[in-house]
């Protein structure tokens, strides 16, 4: 009888470990995709020095610069997987897709896609002294 009690205790422990493993695996599958997409926070640019454009993402805010001048700022949120929605201070919305350190910005006014490459993982101050700190 003494061995039977130890056997039952070991079975209960094994069953609990299996349940915890299943729960952990479920969380990893559910939330692991979000972690694997990378971090959008940082600085992205496109163009040459004479005509450079860049985005800076910090916290829940974004800042868009053109030739050292901030031309747009607002908030952003993750919409689905790699897709983000930007909303500027005027309430206008834009869509970007983030993949492998590249932002694909969909310019709905000019009807084309602009590809911005990540140049720094940190939000870097750009332009004429506009502070990007929150």
C-alpha atoms as a PDB file:
ATOM      1  CA  UNK A   1       0.000   0.000   0.000  1.00  0.00           C
ATOM      2  CA  UNK A   2       2.843   2.389   0.732  1.00  0.00           C
ATOM      3  CA  UNK A   3       4.101   2.144  -2.860  1.00  0.00           C
ATOM      4  CA  UNK A   4       0.589   2.655  -4.196  1.00  0.00           C
ATOM      5  CA  UNK A   5       0.362   6.119  -2.555  1.00  0.00           C
ATOM      6  CA  UNK A   6       3.704   7.180  -4.020  1.00  0.00           C
ATOM      7  CA  UNK A   7       2.623   5.856  -7.405  1.00  0.00           C
ATOM      8  CA  UNK A   8      -0.607   7.914  -7.297  1.00  0.00           C
ATOM      9  CA  UNK A   9       1.301  11.050  -6.221  1.00  0.00           C
ATOM     10  CA  UNK A  10       3.755  10.645  -9.113  1.00  0.00           C
ATOM     11  CA  UNK A  11       0.871  10.217 -11.547  1.00  0.00           C
ATOM     12  CA  UNK A  12      -0.807  13.390 -10.266  1.00  0.00           C
ATOM     13  CA  UNK A  13       2.468  15.314 -10.600  1.00  0.00           C
ATOM     14  CA  UNK A  14       2.993  13.994 -14.131  1.00  0.00           C
ATOM     15  CA  UNK A  15      -0.568  14.922 -15.141  1.00  0.00           C
ATOM     16  CA  UNK A  16      -0.102  18.447 -13.700  1.00  0.00           C
ATOM     17  CA  UNK A  17       3.172  18.877 -15.573  1.00  0.00           C
ATOM     18  CA  UNK A  18       1.522  17.775 -18.828  1.00  0.00           C
ATOM     19  CA  UNK A  19      -1.346  20.245 -18.279  1.00  0.00           C
ATOM     20  CA  UNK A  20       1.126  23.080 -17.581  1.00  0.00           C
ATOM     21  CA  UNK A  21       3.098  22.122 -20.685  1.00  0.00           C
ATOM     22  CA  UNK A  22      -0.059  22.261 -22.801  1.00  0.00           C
ATOM     23  CA  UNK A  23      -1.030  25.667 -21.370  1.00  0.00           C
ATOM     24  CA  UNK A  24       2.483  27.033 -21.961  1.00  0.00           C
ATOM     25  CA  UNK A  25       2.474  25.733 -25.523  1.00  0.00           C
ATOM     26  CA  UNK A  26      -0.914  27.368 -26.133  1.00  0.00           C
ATOM     27  CA  UNK A  27       0.351  30.753 -24.906  1.00  0.00           C
ATOM     28  CA  UNK A  28       3.484  30.408 -27.013  1.00  0.00           C
ATOM     29  CA  UNK A  29       1.456  29.667 -30.131  1.00  0.00           C
ATOM     30  CA  UNK A  30      -1.028  32.473 -29.451  1.00  0.00           C
ATOM     31  CA  UNK A  31       1.423  35.222 -28.457  1.00  0.00           C
ATOM     32  CA  UNK A  32       4.643  34.001 -30.059  1.00  0.00           C
ATOM     33  CA  UNK A  33       3.644  35.375 -33.461  1.00  0.00           C
ATOM     34  CA  UNK A  34       3.410  38.868 -32.061  1.00  0.00           C
ATOM     35  CA  UNK A  35       6.840  38.576 -30.462  1.00  0.00           C
ATOM     36  CA  UNK A  36       8.358  37.155 -33.632  1.00  0.00           C
ATOM     37  CA  UNK A  37       7.277  40.084 -35.786  1.00  0.00           C
ATOM     38  CA  UNK A  38       9.956  42.318 -34.363  1.00  0.00           C
ATOM     39  CA  UNK A  39       9.753  45.665 -32.757  1.00  0.00           C
ATOM     40  CA  UNK A  40       8.555  48.644 -34.778  1.00  0.00           C
ATOM     41  CA  UNK A  41      10.117  51.128 -32.321  1.00  0.00           C
ATOM     42  CA  UNK A  42      13.010  52.950 -33.983  1.00  0.00           C
ATOM     43  CA  UNK A  43      13.958  55.133 -36.930  1.00  0.00           C
ATOM     44  CA  UNK A  44      13.348  54.388 -40.634  1.00  0.00           C
ATOM     45  CA  UNK A  45      14.444  56.279 -43.728  1.00  0.00           C
ATOM     46  CA  UNK A  46      14.124  56.422 -47.497  1.00  0.00           C
ATOM     47  CA  UNK A  47      15.760  58.634 -50.112  1.00  0.00           C
ATOM     48  CA  UNK A  48      19.002  60.537 -50.549  1.00  0.00           C
ATOM     49  CA  UNK A  49      20.399  63.340 -48.393  1.00  0.00           C
ATOM     50  CA  UNK A  50      18.895  66.043 -50.612  1.00  0.00           C
ATOM     51  CA  UNK A  51      15.423  64.491 -50.392  1.00  0.00           C
ATOM     52  CA  UNK A  52      15.309  62.214 -47.348  1.00  0.00           C
ATOM     53  CA  UNK A  53      12.181  61.108 -45.527  1.00  0.00           C
ATOM     54  CA  UNK A  54      11.960  59.208 -42.286  1.00  0.00           C
ATOM     55  CA  UNK A  55       9.650  57.865 -39.645  1.00  0.00           C
ATOM     56  CA  UNK A  56      10.424  57.770 -35.940  1.00  0.00           C
ATOM     57  CA  UNK A  57       8.351  55.444 -33.722  1.00  0.00           C
ATOM     58  CA  UNK A  58       8.452  55.910 -29.957  1.00  0.00           C
ATOM     59  CA  UNK A  59       5.934  54.543 -27.482  1.00  0.00           C
ATOM     60  CA  UNK A  60       2.495  54.837 -29.093  1.00  0.00           C
ATOM     61  CA  UNK A  61       3.524  57.878 -31.162  1.00  0.00           C
ATOM     62  CA  UNK A  62       5.050  58.327 -34.578  1.00  0.00           C
ATOM     63  CA  UNK A  63       6.761  61.272 -36.256  1.00  0.00           C
ATOM     64  CA  UNK A  64       7.267  61.705 -40.005  1.00  0.00           C
ATOM     65  CA  UNK A  65      10.041  63.946 -41.307  1.00  0.00           C
ATOM     66  CA  UNK A  66      10.951  65.242 -44.735  1.00  0.00           C
ATOM     67  CA  UNK A  67      14.215  67.102 -45.334  1.00  0.00           C
ATOM     68  CA  UNK A  68      14.873  67.729 -41.642  1.00  0.00           C
ATOM     69  CA  UNK A  69      11.348  69.086 -40.971  1.00  0.00           C
ATOM     70  CA  UNK A  70       8.582  67.255 -39.134  1.00  0.00           C
ATOM     71  CA  UNK A  71       5.622  67.073 -41.513  1.00  0.00           C
ATOM     72  CA  UNK A  72       3.317  64.759 -39.575  1.00  0.00           C
ATOM     73  CA  UNK A  73       2.870  63.244 -36.151  1.00  0.00           C
ATOM     74  CA  UNK A  74       0.283  61.104 -34.489  1.00  0.00           C
ATOM     75  CA  UNK A  75      -0.412  57.778 -32.857  1.00  0.00           C
ATOM     76  CA  UNK A  76      -0.193  54.262 -34.206  1.00  0.00           C
ATOM     77  CA  UNK A  77      -1.565  50.882 -33.224  1.00  0.00           C
ATOM     78  CA  UNK A  78      -1.112  47.337 -34.357  1.00  0.00           C
ATOM     79  CA  UNK A  79      -4.121  46.282 -36.409  1.00  0.00           C
ATOM     80  CA  UNK A  80      -3.292  42.728 -37.502  1.00  0.00           C
ATOM     81  CA  UNK A  81      -0.079  40.685 -37.440  1.00  0.00           C
ATOM     82  CA  UNK A  82       2.369  42.946 -39.366  1.00  0.00           C
ATOM     83  CA  UNK A  83      -0.132  45.709 -40.182  1.00  0.00           C
ATOM     84  CA  UNK A  84      -0.301  49.014 -38.316  1.00  0.00           C
ATOM     85  CA  UNK A  85      -2.699  51.947 -38.580  1.00  0.00           C
ATOM     86  CA  UNK A  86      -1.300  55.469 -38.232  1.00  0.00           C
ATOM     87  CA  UNK A  87      -3.616  58.286 -37.211  1.00  0.00           C
ATOM     88  CA  UNK A  88      -2.237  61.799 -37.508  1.00  0.00           C
ATOM     89  CA  UNK A  89      -3.303  64.785 -35.416  1.00  0.00           C
ATOM     90  CA  UNK A  90      -5.880  65.748 -38.080  1.00  0.00           C
ATOM     91  CA  UNK A  91      -7.550  62.320 -37.766  1.00  0.00           C
ATOM     92  CA  UNK A  92      -6.338  61.096 -41.149  1.00  0.00           C
ATOM     93  CA  UNK A  93      -5.458  57.389 -41.169  1.00  0.00           C
ATOM     94  CA  UNK A  94      -2.692  55.610 -43.051  1.00  0.00           C
ATOM     95  CA  UNK A  95      -1.627  51.999 -43.225  1.00  0.00           C
ATOM     96  CA  UNK A  96       1.845  50.485 -42.930  1.00  0.00           C
ATOM     97  CA  UNK A  97       3.122  46.934 -43.013  1.00  0.00           C
ATOM     98  CA  UNK A  98       6.247  46.023 -41.036  1.00  0.00           C
ATOM     99  CA  UNK A  99       8.392  43.103 -42.140  1.00  0.00           C
ATOM    100  CA  UNK A 100      12.029  42.301 -41.453  1.00  0.00           C
ATOM    101  CA  UNK A 101      13.120  45.831 -40.478  1.00  0.00           C
ATOM    102  CA  UNK A 102      11.292  47.411 -43.421  1.00  0.00           C
ATOM    103  CA  UNK A 103       8.157  49.571 -43.318  1.00  0.00           C
ATOM    104  CA  UNK A 104       5.871  49.616 -46.326  1.00  0.00           C
ATOM    105  CA  UNK A 105       3.905  52.873 -46.214  1.00  0.00           C
ATOM    106  CA  UNK A 106       0.773  52.999 -48.369  1.00  0.00           C
ATOM    107  CA  UNK A 107       0.357  56.545 -49.672  1.00  0.00           C
ATOM    108  CA  UNK A 108      -3.335  56.647 -50.550  1.00  0.00           C
ATOM    109  CA  UNK A 109      -3.173  60.179 -51.957  1.00  0.00           C
ATOM    110  CA  UNK A 110      -0.466  59.439 -54.537  1.00  0.00           C
ATOM    111  CA  UNK A 111      -1.491  55.766 -54.798  1.00  0.00           C
ATOM    112  CA  UNK A 112       1.870  54.071 -54.304  1.00  0.00           C
ATOM    113  CA  UNK A 113       3.951  52.258 -51.687  1.00  0.00           C
ATOM    114  CA  UNK A 114       7.081  53.731 -50.108  1.00  0.00           C
ATOM    115  CA  UNK A 115       9.637  51.380 -48.584  1.00  0.00           C
ATOM    116  CA  UNK A 116      11.411  52.707 -45.450  1.00  0.00           C
ATOM    117  CA  UNK A 117      14.416  50.794 -44.074  1.00  0.00           C
ATOM    118  CA  UNK A 118      15.221  50.672 -40.367  1.00  0.00           C
ATOM    119  CA  UNK A 119      18.375  52.690 -39.663  1.00  0.00           C
ATOM    120  CA  UNK A 120      18.299  52.522 -35.863  1.00  0.00           C
ATOM    121  CA  UNK A 121      16.461  50.479 -33.244  1.00  0.00           C
ATOM    122  CA  UNK A 122      16.158  53.610 -31.129  1.00  0.00           C
ATOM    123  CA  UNK A 123      13.916  56.602 -31.819  1.00  0.00           C
ATOM    124  CA  UNK A 124      16.486  59.106 -33.117  1.00  0.00           C
ATOM    125  CA  UNK A 125      15.852  62.849 -33.006  1.00  0.00           C
ATOM    126  CA  UNK A 126      15.714  64.228 -36.532  1.00  0.00           C
ATOM    127  CA  UNK A 127      15.255  67.585 -38.074  1.00  0.00           C
ATOM    128  CA  UNK A 128      15.073  71.061 -36.681  1.00  0.00           C
ATOM    129  CA  UNK A 129      15.086  70.303 -32.979  1.00  0.00           C
ATOM    130  CA  UNK A 130      11.594  68.870 -32.635  1.00  0.00           C
ATOM    131  CA  UNK A 131      11.743  66.664 -29.577  1.00  0.00           C
ATOM    132  CA  UNK A 132      10.380  63.158 -30.002  1.00  0.00           C
ATOM    133  CA  UNK A 133      10.303  62.447 -26.282  1.00  0.00           C
ATOM    134  CA  UNK A 134       6.870  61.747 -24.798  1.00  0.00           C
END
